[in-house]
Amino acid sequence: MALKHRIPVRIRHYWKLLATCAAVGVALTVVFTTVRVAPLVTSSGARSADEVTQNIEGSADLFDANQAHSIKLTFRDADYQRLLDSYFKDGEKDWLEADLTVDGVTIPSVGIRLKGNSTLGQLTRDGQAREGARGGGQRPQGGQMPQGGQQMPGAGGPGGGFGGFGGAGGSGLKAEEPENLPWLIRFDEFVEGRRYEGHREVTMRVSGMGGGKTVMNEAVSLNVLAAAGETAQKYAYTSFTVNDRPTVARLVVEHPDENFADEIGSSGVLYKSLASSSFTDQGDDQTDYADDFKQINMVGSQDLEPVIKLIRWVNNSSDAEFDRGLAEHIDVESFARYAAEQNLLLNFDDMAGPGKNYYLYYDLTTKRFKVVGWDYNLTLTGDAEQDPTQTVTMGGGRGFGGAQGGGLPEGFEPPAGMQPPGGNNAGGGRMGGFGGNKLKERFLASAAFKKVYQEAYQDEYQKIYASGAATTALDAALTVLSTVDGYDKAAGTTEADTLRTLIDQRTRYLAGTATVKGS
């Protein structure tokens, strides 16, 4: 996105006036609103390019997952229509100014924008999808994606089928129902230096994807990962009200930002993989990797050089060099756990999936990377009998229609930026579907790392399934959901039953595999 699009138009035109108004506004906010402001916290220049000047304390920890929360958004409809105009005409995700109330604490002038790529392929306005979008709704070119909970061919497996992707199998998203849309909420978009409970951004997770209306699968996945000692985003269930629209129950999730980087380590750089990432050697020029990774923290003091070196080494090293030198570049034990967890949780949309959903954390002390997962709304769906040694793909590894190597239903169009099945992805290798990542592929294919992967898999299996943690997490999520305003009990009960069946079947199946038994 061009730099000018990252700065709101009104700020670009009237920044001097707005700077004065903002100063007055902050003073009035402190005196007359319900916002409670903690002492000012300033980030070190070596750690972050942003200065935190205001940290708002909530009435309760937003990410206390053991209690129901309340979030309300208020904005002008004219501003919302302009946001939609920008997205539907140009594909731009502009920021909209809104007032936010979280658990009774009002935060004025936050920024909100639409979030997602393939997810927004479902979005329609007046029944029409954005021109060139992939997903639900009528398209000028003809054709219509499956709607109303239809299941993709070949996507079923024990414990339920694939719950929807890019508009297929889901109920679709309508611009006329902003309470159901995926939103990124930024606390400092219009008030510089502001945080809420230390967070710069939070995200409202969309329903109707792999986890159905309640996104219970993501809640369960985040719960068990955190319980296993892995880095995972915080989450909670909340009622969500937009203007005078109906209240619905939603999952709010911590968005990986500078604060999240601090949770991973005391001194490191966090890089986000973009959906357009290819993980291919494109030379030394950092601008050539602008579509691959975005640096999250330490902007100005660090850059993309470590990521580029990793990519070039992974793509150009011989098998012997890869086996011998991998531990110098990444934390091998941590990576083995990551790879095992993605299989255990049936996450086909991980670092090797179509969305390239992962972060790289570069530890400045050890000079090694960790792979950090995120975006777990497509976990725990598909085939409960996915083998530990096979790559998880859309439809459980068999492809659509049961064809080996994959295939798509007639008329299906993948979301923008995704590679079709049967061809080599730029990230290195055919995955029997979308996606691919050279680092993960080479790691899993190497005999040198078979033992560390198997040991990690056995350990994580015990923590997630054998211990009963997944079932306990499901029960806990359902208990909290039942107290959230706007909760659809019928849908939640059905989705919980489906998820419970899958967890039970996956637990029993994996117990008999050679990987878990150690044979």
Protein backbone atom coordinates (compact mmCIF):
# COMPACT_ATOMS: atom_id res chain seq x y z
CA MET A 1 0.00 0.00 0.00
CA ALA A 2 1.32 3.44 -0.84
CA LEU A 3 2.55 5.50 2.10
CA LYS A 4 -0.11 8.14 1.55
CA HIS A 5 -2.84 5.57 2.16
CA ARG A 6 -1.44 4.81 5.58
CA ILE A 7 -1.96 8.38 6.75
CA PRO A 8 -5.59 9.49 7.10
CA VAL A 9 -6.55 12.18 4.60
CA ARG A 10 -7.73 14.58 7.26
CA ILE A 11 -4.42 14.32 9.09
CA ARG A 12 -2.43 14.90 5.92
CA HIS A 13 -4.42 18.04 5.14
CA TYR A 14 -4.88 19.52 8.58
CA TRP A 15 -2.17 18.05 10.73
CA LYS A 16 -1.27 21.28 12.52
CA LEU A 17 -4.84 22.02 13.49
CA LEU A 18 -5.44 18.43 14.49
CA ALA A 19 -2.31 18.35 16.63
CA THR A 20 -3.64 21.24 18.67
CA CYS A 21 -7.13 19.72 18.88
CA ALA A 22 -5.71 16.37 19.89
CA ALA A 23 -3.83 17.91 22.80
CA VAL A 24 -7.00 19.60 24.02
CA GLY A 25 -9.02 16.44 23.38
CA VAL A 26 -6.70 14.28 25.46
CA ALA A 27 -6.92 16.71 28.35
CA LEU A 28 -10.73 16.75 28.18
CA THR A 29 -10.81 12.96 27.87
CA VAL A 30 -8.84 12.52 31.06
CA VAL A 31 -11.15 14.86 32.97
CA PHE A 32 -14.60 14.05 31.63
CA THR A 33 -14.71 10.44 30.35
CA THR A 34 -14.65 7.02 31.98
CA VAL A 35 -11.15 6.36 30.67
CA ARG A 36 -8.56 5.67 33.33
CA VAL A 37 -5.03 6.53 32.28
CA ALA A 38 -2.02 4.76 33.69
CA PRO A 39 1.33 6.50 34.19
CA LEU A 40 3.06 7.33 30.93
CA VAL A 41 5.33 4.63 29.56
CA THR A 42 8.02 5.42 27.04
CA SER A 43 9.52 2.67 24.90
CA SER A 44 13.26 2.64 24.46
CA GLY A 45 14.43 3.72 21.06
CA ALA A 46 16.39 0.50 20.77
CA ARG A 47 13.21 -1.52 21.23
CA SER A 48 10.56 0.32 19.27
CA ALA A 49 10.11 3.30 16.99
CA ASP A 50 6.85 4.22 18.76
CA GLU A 51 6.56 6.23 21.95
CA VAL A 52 3.78 5.17 24.29
CA THR A 53 2.37 8.24 26.00
CA GLN A 54 -0.99 6.97 27.24
CA ASN A 55 -1.88 3.49 28.47
CA ILE A 56 -5.57 3.13 29.27
CA GLU A 57 -6.50 0.77 32.08
CA GLY A 58 -9.62 -1.32 31.58
CA SER A 59 -12.19 -2.18 34.21
CA ALA A 60 -11.22 -5.82 33.67
CA ASP A 61 -8.49 -7.64 31.78
CA LEU A 62 -9.85 -7.76 28.23
CA PHE A 63 -8.15 -11.09 27.64
CA ASP A 64 -9.41 -12.83 30.72
CA ALA A 65 -10.89 -15.77 28.84
CA ASN A 66 -12.78 -16.98 31.91
CA GLN A 67 -15.34 -14.20 31.78
CA ALA A 68 -17.66 -12.63 29.24
CA HIS A 69 -16.78 -9.17 27.95
CA SER A 70 -18.59 -6.34 26.20
CA ILE A 71 -17.40 -4.29 23.21
CA LYS A 72 -19.39 -1.52 21.54
CA LEU A 73 -18.45 0.48 18.43
CA THR A 74 -20.05 3.74 17.36
CA PHE A 75 -19.29 5.53 14.10
CA ARG A 76 -20.96 7.73 11.49
CA ASP A 77 -22.65 5.87 8.67
CA ALA A 78 -21.30 8.35 6.11
CA ASP A 79 -17.76 7.45 7.18
CA TYR A 80 -18.59 3.76 6.96
CA GLN A 81 -19.95 4.16 3.43
CA ARG A 82 -16.74 5.92 2.40
CA LEU A 83 -14.75 3.03 3.85
CA LEU A 84 -16.83 0.60 1.80
CA ASP A 85 -16.44 2.76 -1.32
CA SER A 86 -12.67 2.65 -0.95
CA TYR A 87 -12.60 -1.11 -0.47
CA PHE A 88 -15.07 -2.07 -3.19
CA LYS A 89 -13.65 0.36 -5.78
CA ASP A 90 -9.91 0.18 -5.09
CA GLY A 91 -9.39 -2.72 -2.69
CA GLU A 92 -8.03 -0.31 -0.08
CA LYS A 93 -8.63 -0.97 3.62
CA ASP A 94 -8.96 2.56 4.91
CA TRP A 95 -9.20 3.49 8.55
CA LEU A 96 -12.48 4.73 10.01
CA GLU A 97 -12.67 6.80 13.19
CA ALA A 98 -14.95 5.31 15.84
CA ASP A 99 -15.70 5.49 19.55
CA LEU A 100 -15.11 2.25 21.42
CA THR A 101 -16.44 1.07 24.77
CA VAL A 102 -14.78 -1.97 26.33
CA ASP A 103 -16.29 -3.41 29.48
CA GLY A 104 -17.77 -0.02 30.30
CA VAL A 105 -14.60 2.00 29.59
CA THR A 106 -14.98 4.44 26.70
CA ILE A 107 -12.04 5.09 24.36
CA PRO A 108 -12.83 7.86 21.87
CA SER A 109 -11.42 8.11 18.35
CA VAL A 110 -10.00 4.65 17.79
CA GLY A 111 -9.23 3.47 14.26
CA ILE A 112 -10.98 0.47 12.74
CA ARG A 113 -10.52 -1.15 9.35
CA LEU A 114 -11.56 -4.30 7.55
CA LYS A 115 -9.17 -7.16 8.13
CA GLY A 116 -8.25 -10.17 6.04
CA ASN A 117 -7.59 -11.17 2.47
CA SER A 118 -9.33 -14.42 1.53
CA THR A 119 -11.81 -13.78 4.32
CA LEU A 120 -13.03 -10.61 2.65
CA GLY A 121 -13.63 -12.58 -0.54
CA GLN A 122 -16.99 -13.39 1.06
CA LEU A 123 -17.93 -9.74 1.54
CA THR A 124 -20.87 -8.37 -0.44
CA ARG A 125 -22.49 -4.95 -0.62
CA ASP A 126 -26.07 -4.78 -1.81
CA GLY A 127 -25.65 -8.43 -2.79
CA GLN A 128 -22.62 -7.77 -5.01
CA ALA A 129 -19.05 -8.87 -4.37
CA ARG A 130 -16.16 -6.56 -5.09
CA GLU A 131 -15.10 -6.86 -8.72
CA GLY A 132 -12.29 -9.38 -8.98
CA ALA A 133 -12.91 -10.74 -5.48
CA ARG A 134 -13.00 -14.48 -4.87
CA GLY A 135 -15.71 -15.81 -2.65
CA GLY A 136 -19.37 -15.64 -1.84
CA GLY A 137 -22.06 -13.57 -3.46
CA GLN A 138 -23.02 -12.86 -7.04
CA ARG A 139 -20.18 -12.03 -9.41
CA PRO A 140 -20.55 -10.03 -12.60
CA GLN A 141 -18.57 -12.69 -14.45
CA GLY A 142 -21.14 -15.31 -13.50
CA GLY A 143 -21.11 -18.12 -11.04
CA GLN A 144 -21.71 -18.25 -7.34
CA MET A 145 -19.80 -19.79 -4.47
CA PRO A 146 -21.51 -22.37 -2.28
CA GLN A 147 -23.46 -20.67 0.47
CA GLY A 148 -25.47 -21.54 3.55
CA GLY A 149 -23.15 -24.09 5.11
CA GLN A 150 -22.60 -26.30 2.05
CA GLN A 151 -19.57 -28.51 2.39
CA MET A 152 -16.85 -28.72 -0.20
CA PRO A 153 -16.52 -32.06 -1.93
CA GLY A 154 -13.91 -34.32 -0.41
CA ALA A 155 -13.43 -32.04 2.56
CA GLY A 156 -15.22 -34.26 5.03
CA GLY A 157 -13.62 -36.59 7.47
CA PRO A 158 -14.28 -38.08 10.84
CA GLY A 159 -15.59 -35.44 13.16
CA GLY A 160 -17.00 -33.10 10.54
CA GLY A 161 -16.08 -31.45 7.28
CA PHE A 162 -14.22 -28.38 6.33
CA GLY A 163 -16.16 -25.44 7.62
CA GLY A 164 -15.70 -22.90 4.86
CA PHE A 165 -13.00 -20.96 3.10
CA GLY A 166 -12.96 -17.83 0.99
CA GLY A 167 -16.73 -17.79 0.97
CA ALA A 168 -17.29 -21.49 0.37
CA GLY A 169 -19.23 -23.31 3.01
CA GLY A 170 -19.83 -20.16 5.06
CA SER A 171 -22.79 -17.87 5.39
CA GLY A 172 -20.96 -15.02 3.70
CA LEU A 173 -20.27 -11.51 4.96
CA LYS A 174 -22.55 -8.57 4.28
CA ALA A 175 -21.55 -4.93 4.45
CA GLU A 176 -25.03 -4.25 5.80
CA GLU A 177 -24.11 -6.29 8.91
CA PRO A 178 -20.96 -4.64 10.31
CA GLU A 179 -21.36 -6.54 13.58
CA ASN A 180 -20.34 -9.72 11.72
CA LEU A 181 -17.33 -8.36 9.82
CA PRO A 182 -13.65 -8.96 10.60
CA TRP A 183 -12.27 -5.77 12.18
CA LEU A 184 -8.83 -4.62 13.19
CA ILE A 185 -9.07 -2.08 16.01
CA ARG A 186 -6.11 0.26 16.51
CA PHE A 187 -5.97 2.47 19.58
CA ASP A 188 -3.37 4.95 18.30
CA GLU A 189 -4.53 5.51 14.72
CA PHE A 190 -6.03 8.90 15.60
CA VAL A 191 -4.45 9.49 19.03
CA GLU A 192 -0.70 9.05 18.81
CA GLY A 193 1.02 6.99 21.46
CA ARG A 194 -2.11 5.49 22.98
CA ARG A 195 -2.50 1.89 24.13
CA TYR A 196 -5.27 -0.06 25.86
CA GLU A 197 -3.96 -2.37 28.58
CA GLY A 198 -0.64 -2.29 26.75
CA HIS A 199 -2.13 -3.31 23.40
CA ARG A 200 -1.91 -1.25 20.26
CA GLU A 201 -4.27 -3.46 18.24
CA VAL A 202 -6.90 -6.14 18.78
CA THR A 203 -8.89 -8.02 16.18
CA MET A 204 -12.47 -9.22 15.99
CA ARG A 205 -12.31 -12.72 14.53
CA VAL A 206 -14.76 -13.52 11.80
CA SER A 207 -17.34 -16.26 12.16
CA GLY A 208 -18.44 -18.65 9.44
CA MET A 209 -14.95 -19.92 8.59
CA GLY A 210 -13.48 -23.20 9.84
CA GLY A 211 -14.85 -22.72 13.35
CA GLY A 212 -18.38 -21.85 12.37
CA LYS A 213 -20.31 -19.09 14.04
CA THR A 214 -18.52 -19.26 17.39
CA VAL A 215 -14.89 -19.73 16.15
CA MET A 216 -14.65 -22.20 19.04
CA ASN A 217 -11.88 -24.10 17.29
CA GLU A 218 -9.57 -21.08 17.46
CA ALA A 219 -10.36 -20.51 21.13
CA VAL A 220 -9.56 -24.15 21.90
CA SER A 221 -6.34 -24.05 19.85
CA LEU A 222 -5.08 -20.88 21.52
CA ASN A 223 -5.96 -22.30 24.93
CA VAL A 224 -4.08 -25.59 24.53
CA LEU A 225 -1.05 -23.91 22.96
CA ALA A 226 -0.73 -21.49 25.86
CA ALA A 227 -1.24 -24.34 28.33
CA ALA A 228 1.56 -26.25 26.57
CA GLY A 229 3.91 -23.33 27.17
CA GLU A 230 3.93 -22.07 23.60
CA THR A 231 3.66 -18.44 22.51
CA ALA A 232 0.02 -17.84 21.61
CA GLN A 233 -2.19 -14.82 21.24
CA LYS A 234 -4.55 -13.99 24.11
CA TYR A 235 -8.27 -14.21 23.41
CA ALA A 236 -11.69 -13.83 25.00
CA TYR A 237 -15.36 -14.04 24.12
CA THR A 238 -17.31 -10.79 24.06
CA SER A 239 -20.65 -9.34 23.10
CA PHE A 240 -20.19 -7.01 20.13
CA THR A 241 -22.53 -4.17 19.24
CA VAL A 242 -22.09 -1.78 16.31
CA ASN A 243 -24.20 1.39 16.43
CA ASP A 244 -27.83 0.30 16.81
CA ARG A 245 -27.32 -3.08 15.13
CA PRO A 246 -28.12 -6.40 16.90
CA THR A 247 -25.63 -7.61 19.50
CA VAL A 248 -23.68 -10.75 18.59
CA ALA A 249 -21.14 -12.93 20.39
CA ARG A 250 -17.63 -12.64 18.94
CA LEU A 251 -14.09 -13.81 19.64
CA VAL A 252 -11.62 -10.96 20.23
CA VAL A 253 -7.95 -11.87 19.83
CA GLU A 254 -4.71 -10.10 20.62
CA HIS A 255 -3.08 -8.86 17.43
CA PRO A 256 0.67 -9.54 17.22
CA ASP A 257 2.25 -6.11 17.62
CA GLU A 258 5.20 -4.57 19.46
CA ASN A 259 3.74 -5.67 22.78
CA PHE A 260 3.44 -9.24 21.49
CA ALA A 261 7.10 -9.18 20.45
CA ASP A 262 8.03 -8.39 24.04
CA GLU A 263 6.04 -11.42 25.19
CA ILE A 264 8.14 -13.70 22.98
CA GLY A 265 11.54 -12.51 24.16
CA SER A 266 13.39 -9.71 25.88
CA SER A 267 15.41 -8.66 22.86
CA GLY A 268 14.32 -9.58 19.38
CA VAL A 269 12.80 -8.45 16.11
CA LEU A 270 9.36 -9.65 15.00
CA TYR A 271 8.55 -10.06 11.31
CA LYS A 272 5.14 -10.87 9.89
CA SER A 273 4.85 -13.10 6.84
CA LEU A 274 2.42 -11.59 4.34
CA ALA A 275 -0.16 -13.57 2.38
CA SER A 276 1.83 -12.77 -0.77
CA SER A 277 5.05 -14.13 0.71
CA SER A 278 6.99 -16.59 -1.45
CA PHE A 279 10.02 -17.40 0.76
CA THR A 280 12.24 -17.36 -2.32
CA ASP A 281 15.67 -15.86 -2.89
CA GLN A 282 15.15 -12.46 -4.51
CA GLY A 283 18.62 -11.05 -4.01
CA ASP A 284 20.05 -8.60 -1.48
CA ASP A 285 17.76 -5.62 -2.12
CA GLN A 286 15.39 -5.37 0.85
CA THR A 287 12.75 -3.56 -1.19
CA ASP A 288 12.31 -6.73 -3.25
CA TYR A 289 10.93 -8.43 -0.14
CA ALA A 290 8.26 -5.80 0.55
CA ASP A 291 5.54 -8.28 -0.47
CA ASP A 292 6.99 -11.01 1.72
CA PHE A 293 7.55 -9.70 5.23
CA LYS A 294 6.60 -6.72 7.35
CA GLN A 295 8.78 -5.69 10.28
CA ILE A 296 6.70 -5.17 13.43
CA ASN A 297 9.08 -3.71 16.00
CA MET A 298 12.50 -2.05 16.23
CA VAL A 299 11.81 -0.22 12.99
CA GLY A 300 14.71 2.13 12.41
CA SER A 301 17.24 0.22 14.49
CA GLN A 302 16.87 -3.16 12.72
CA ASP A 303 15.87 -4.25 9.23
CA LEU A 304 15.06 -7.29 7.06
CA GLU A 305 18.65 -8.44 6.59
CA PRO A 306 18.43 -11.46 8.96
CA VAL A 307 15.26 -12.69 7.20
CA ILE A 308 16.85 -12.33 3.77
CA LYS A 309 19.90 -14.28 4.89
CA LEU A 310 17.66 -17.06 6.23
CA ILE A 311 15.65 -17.25 3.02
CA ARG A 312 18.74 -17.34 0.82
CA TRP A 313 20.41 -20.00 2.94
CA VAL A 314 17.33 -22.26 3.05
CA ASN A 315 16.87 -22.00 -0.72
CA ASN A 316 20.49 -22.40 -1.74
CA SER A 317 22.07 -24.79 0.78
CA SER A 318 22.68 -28.41 -0.15
CA ASP A 319 20.93 -31.16 1.83
CA ALA A 320 24.11 -31.82 3.79
CA GLU A 321 24.58 -28.12 4.51
CA PHE A 322 20.95 -27.82 5.57
CA ASP A 323 21.19 -30.73 8.00
CA ARG A 324 24.49 -29.52 9.42
CA GLY A 325 23.72 -25.82 9.66
CA LEU A 326 20.01 -25.46 10.43
CA ALA A 327 20.60 -25.10 14.17
CA GLU A 328 22.75 -22.06 13.50
CA HIS A 329 19.79 -20.31 11.86
CA ILE A 330 16.71 -21.41 13.79
CA ASP A 331 15.83 -22.86 17.17
CA VAL A 332 15.37 -26.44 15.98
CA GLU A 333 13.57 -27.76 19.07
CA SER A 334 11.12 -24.85 18.98
CA PHE A 335 10.53 -25.34 15.27
CA ALA A 336 9.91 -29.07 15.76
CA ARG A 337 7.22 -28.22 18.31
CA TYR A 338 5.68 -25.69 15.94
CA ALA A 339 5.52 -28.20 13.09
CA ALA A 340 4.11 -30.90 15.37
CA GLU A 341 1.43 -28.58 16.77
CA GLN A 342 0.20 -27.57 13.32
CA ASN A 343 -0.34 -31.24 12.45
CA LEU A 344 -1.87 -32.10 15.80
CA LEU A 345 -4.36 -29.24 15.46
CA LEU A 346 -5.06 -30.01 11.78
CA ASN A 347 -4.04 -26.52 10.74
CA PHE A 348 -3.71 -26.50 6.95
CA ASP A 349 -3.34 -22.70 6.95
CA ASP A 350 -0.03 -22.41 8.80
CA MET A 351 3.29 -21.15 7.42
CA ALA A 352 2.93 -23.56 4.49
CA GLY A 353 -0.74 -22.84 3.94
CA PRO A 354 -2.46 -20.44 1.55
CA GLY A 355 -2.47 -17.55 4.01
CA LYS A 356 1.22 -17.96 4.98
CA ASN A 357 0.16 -17.37 8.57
CA TYR A 358 3.24 -17.09 10.72
CA TYR A 359 5.72 -14.70 12.27
CA LEU A 360 9.49 -14.93 12.46
CA TYR A 361 11.10 -13.80 15.70
CA TYR A 362 14.84 -13.08 15.45
CA ASP A 363 16.60 -13.26 18.80
CA LEU A 364 19.35 -10.63 18.80
CA THR A 365 21.25 -12.53 21.48
CA THR A 366 21.30 -16.04 20.02
CA LYS A 367 21.12 -14.83 16.38
CA ARG A 368 18.53 -17.51 15.67
CA PHE A 369 14.90 -17.48 14.55
CA LYS A 370 11.76 -18.87 16.09
CA VAL A 371 8.63 -19.50 14.05
CA VAL A 372 5.53 -18.21 15.82
CA GLY A 373 2.06 -19.30 14.75
CA TRP A 374 -1.08 -17.22 14.58
CA ASP A 375 -4.50 -17.13 12.89
CA TYR A 376 -5.95 -20.43 14.08
CA ASN A 377 -9.52 -20.09 12.79
CA LEU A 378 -9.02 -22.98 10.36
CA THR A 379 -7.74 -25.52 12.90
CA LEU A 380 -9.53 -28.63 14.13
CA THR A 381 -11.50 -29.23 10.95
CA GLY A 382 -11.16 -31.88 8.29
CA ASP A 383 -9.84 -35.40 8.73
CA ALA A 384 -9.28 -36.61 12.29
CA GLU A 385 -7.08 -39.38 10.87
CA GLN A 386 -4.49 -37.04 9.36
CA ASP A 387 -1.17 -38.88 9.78
CA PRO A 388 1.56 -37.14 11.84
CA THR A 389 4.03 -37.52 8.98
CA GLN A 390 1.79 -35.99 6.30
CA THR A 391 1.33 -32.35 5.46
CA VAL A 392 -2.07 -31.07 6.49
CA THR A 393 -3.90 -29.71 3.48
CA MET A 394 -7.35 -28.43 2.65
CA GLY A 395 -9.63 -31.45 2.75
CA GLY A 396 -7.42 -33.57 4.98
CA GLY A 397 -4.55 -34.27 2.61
CA ARG A 398 -6.54 -36.17 0.01
CA GLY A 399 -7.53 -33.10 -1.99
CA PHE A 400 -11.00 -32.26 -3.14
CA GLY A 401 -13.04 -35.07 -4.54
CA GLY A 402 -10.62 -37.58 -3.05
CA ALA A 403 -8.10 -37.17 -5.86
CA GLN A 404 -4.53 -37.73 -4.81
CA GLY A 405 -2.63 -34.47 -4.93
CA GLY A 406 -5.77 -32.39 -4.76
CA GLY A 407 -8.23 -30.81 -7.08
CA LEU A 408 -10.93 -28.19 -6.84
CA PRO A 409 -14.67 -28.45 -7.21
CA GLU A 410 -15.99 -27.31 -10.55
CA GLY A 411 -16.48 -23.56 -10.52
CA PHE A 412 -14.38 -22.98 -7.39
CA GLU A 413 -12.05 -19.99 -7.55
CA PRO A 414 -9.32 -19.69 -4.89
CA PRO A 415 -8.94 -16.42 -2.99
CA ALA A 416 -6.59 -13.85 -4.48
CA GLY A 417 -2.92 -14.67 -4.14
CA MET A 418 -3.37 -18.40 -3.58
CA GLN A 419 -1.73 -20.98 -5.78
CA PRO A 420 -4.00 -23.59 -7.42
CA PRO A 421 -3.47 -27.27 -6.64
CA GLY A 422 -1.25 -29.28 -8.91
CA GLY A 423 1.33 -26.59 -9.51
CA ASN A 424 4.50 -25.57 -7.74
CA ASN A 425 4.06 -22.76 -5.28
CA ALA A 426 6.73 -20.12 -5.31
CA GLY A 427 7.44 -20.96 -1.70
CA GLY A 428 8.90 -24.27 -2.70
CA GLY A 429 6.95 -27.37 -3.46
CA ARG A 430 3.53 -28.75 -4.20
CA MET A 431 1.46 -29.31 -1.11
CA GLY A 432 -1.42 -31.27 -2.64
CA GLY A 433 -3.33 -28.01 -2.49
CA PHE A 434 -2.51 -24.39 -1.78
CA GLY A 435 0.66 -23.07 -0.22
CA GLY A 436 4.13 -24.34 0.52
CA ASN A 437 7.19 -23.24 2.48
CA LYS A 438 10.72 -24.36 1.73
CA LEU A 439 11.89 -24.25 5.34
CA LYS A 440 9.13 -26.47 6.66
CA GLU A 441 9.30 -28.86 3.70
CA ARG A 442 13.04 -29.39 3.97
CA PHE A 443 12.85 -29.82 7.74
CA LEU A 444 10.15 -32.50 7.60
CA ALA A 445 11.80 -34.27 4.67
CA SER A 446 15.19 -34.55 6.36
CA ALA A 447 16.08 -37.77 8.16
CA ALA A 448 18.41 -35.73 10.36
CA PHE A 449 15.46 -34.11 12.12
CA LYS A 450 13.09 -37.08 12.26
CA LYS A 451 13.92 -37.85 15.89
CA VAL A 452 13.52 -34.29 17.17
CA TYR A 453 10.18 -33.99 15.35
CA GLN A 454 8.92 -37.33 16.69
CA GLU A 455 9.91 -36.42 20.26
CA ALA A 456 8.22 -33.05 19.94
CA TYR A 457 5.11 -34.69 18.51
CA GLN A 458 4.89 -37.20 21.35
CA ASP A 459 5.31 -34.48 23.95
CA GLU A 460 2.75 -32.14 22.39
CA TYR A 461 0.27 -35.00 21.90
CA GLN A 462 0.40 -35.68 25.62
CA LYS A 463 -0.10 -32.01 26.46
CA ILE A 464 -2.93 -31.35 23.98
CA TYR A 465 -4.90 -34.58 23.69
CA ALA A 466 -3.85 -37.36 26.08
CA SER A 467 -4.06 -35.00 29.07
CA GLY A 468 -7.60 -34.04 28.15
CA ALA A 469 -6.56 -30.40 27.70
CA ALA A 470 -8.40 -29.98 24.38
CA THR A 471 -11.69 -31.25 25.82
CA THR A 472 -11.24 -29.13 28.95
CA ALA A 473 -10.60 -26.05 26.79
CA LEU A 474 -13.76 -26.77 24.79
CA ASP A 475 -15.83 -27.07 27.96
CA ALA A 476 -14.40 -23.81 29.29
CA ALA A 477 -15.15 -21.94 26.04
CA LEU A 478 -18.71 -23.22 25.98
CA THR A 479 -19.24 -22.23 29.61
CA VAL A 480 -18.15 -18.64 28.99
CA LEU A 481 -20.05 -18.38 25.71
CA SER A 482 -23.29 -19.27 27.43
CA THR A 483 -22.99 -16.01 29.42
CA VAL A 484 -22.22 -13.71 26.48
CA ASP A 485 -24.96 -11.43 25.18
CA GLY A 486 -25.84 -12.29 21.59
CA TYR A 487 -24.77 -15.93 21.88
CA ASP A 488 -26.56 -18.28 19.48
CA LYS A 489 -27.08 -21.30 21.73
CA ALA A 490 -28.32 -23.62 18.98
CA ALA A 491 -25.34 -22.93 16.72
CA GLY A 492 -22.87 -23.06 19.61
CA THR A 493 -24.16 -26.39 20.88
CA THR A 494 -24.01 -27.95 17.42
CA GLU A 495 -20.50 -26.65 16.76
CA ALA A 496 -19.27 -27.78 20.17
CA ASP A 497 -20.66 -31.28 19.61
CA THR A 498 -18.91 -31.50 16.23
CA LEU A 499 -15.65 -30.27 17.70
CA ARG A 500 -15.90 -32.64 20.66
CA THR A 501 -16.35 -35.59 18.30
CA LEU A 502 -13.33 -34.59 16.24
CA ILE A 503 -11.15 -34.15 19.34
CA ASP A 504 -12.16 -37.57 20.63
CA GLN A 505 -11.53 -39.25 17.29
CA ARG A 506 -8.18 -37.53 16.77
CA THR A 507 -7.06 -38.45 20.29
CA ARG A 508 -7.83 -42.13 19.73
CA TYR A 509 -6.42 -42.25 16.20
CA LEU A 510 -3.10 -40.61 17.08
CA ALA A 511 -2.62 -42.91 20.07
CA GLY A 512 -2.23 -45.81 17.64
CA THR A 513 0.21 -44.16 15.23
CA ALA A 514 3.86 -45.10 15.03
CA THR A 515 4.87 -41.49 15.71
CA VAL A 516 3.08 -41.34 19.06
CA LYS A 517 3.83 -44.93 20.07
CA GLY A 518 7.49 -44.42 19.26
CA SER A 519 7.76 -47.41 16.95
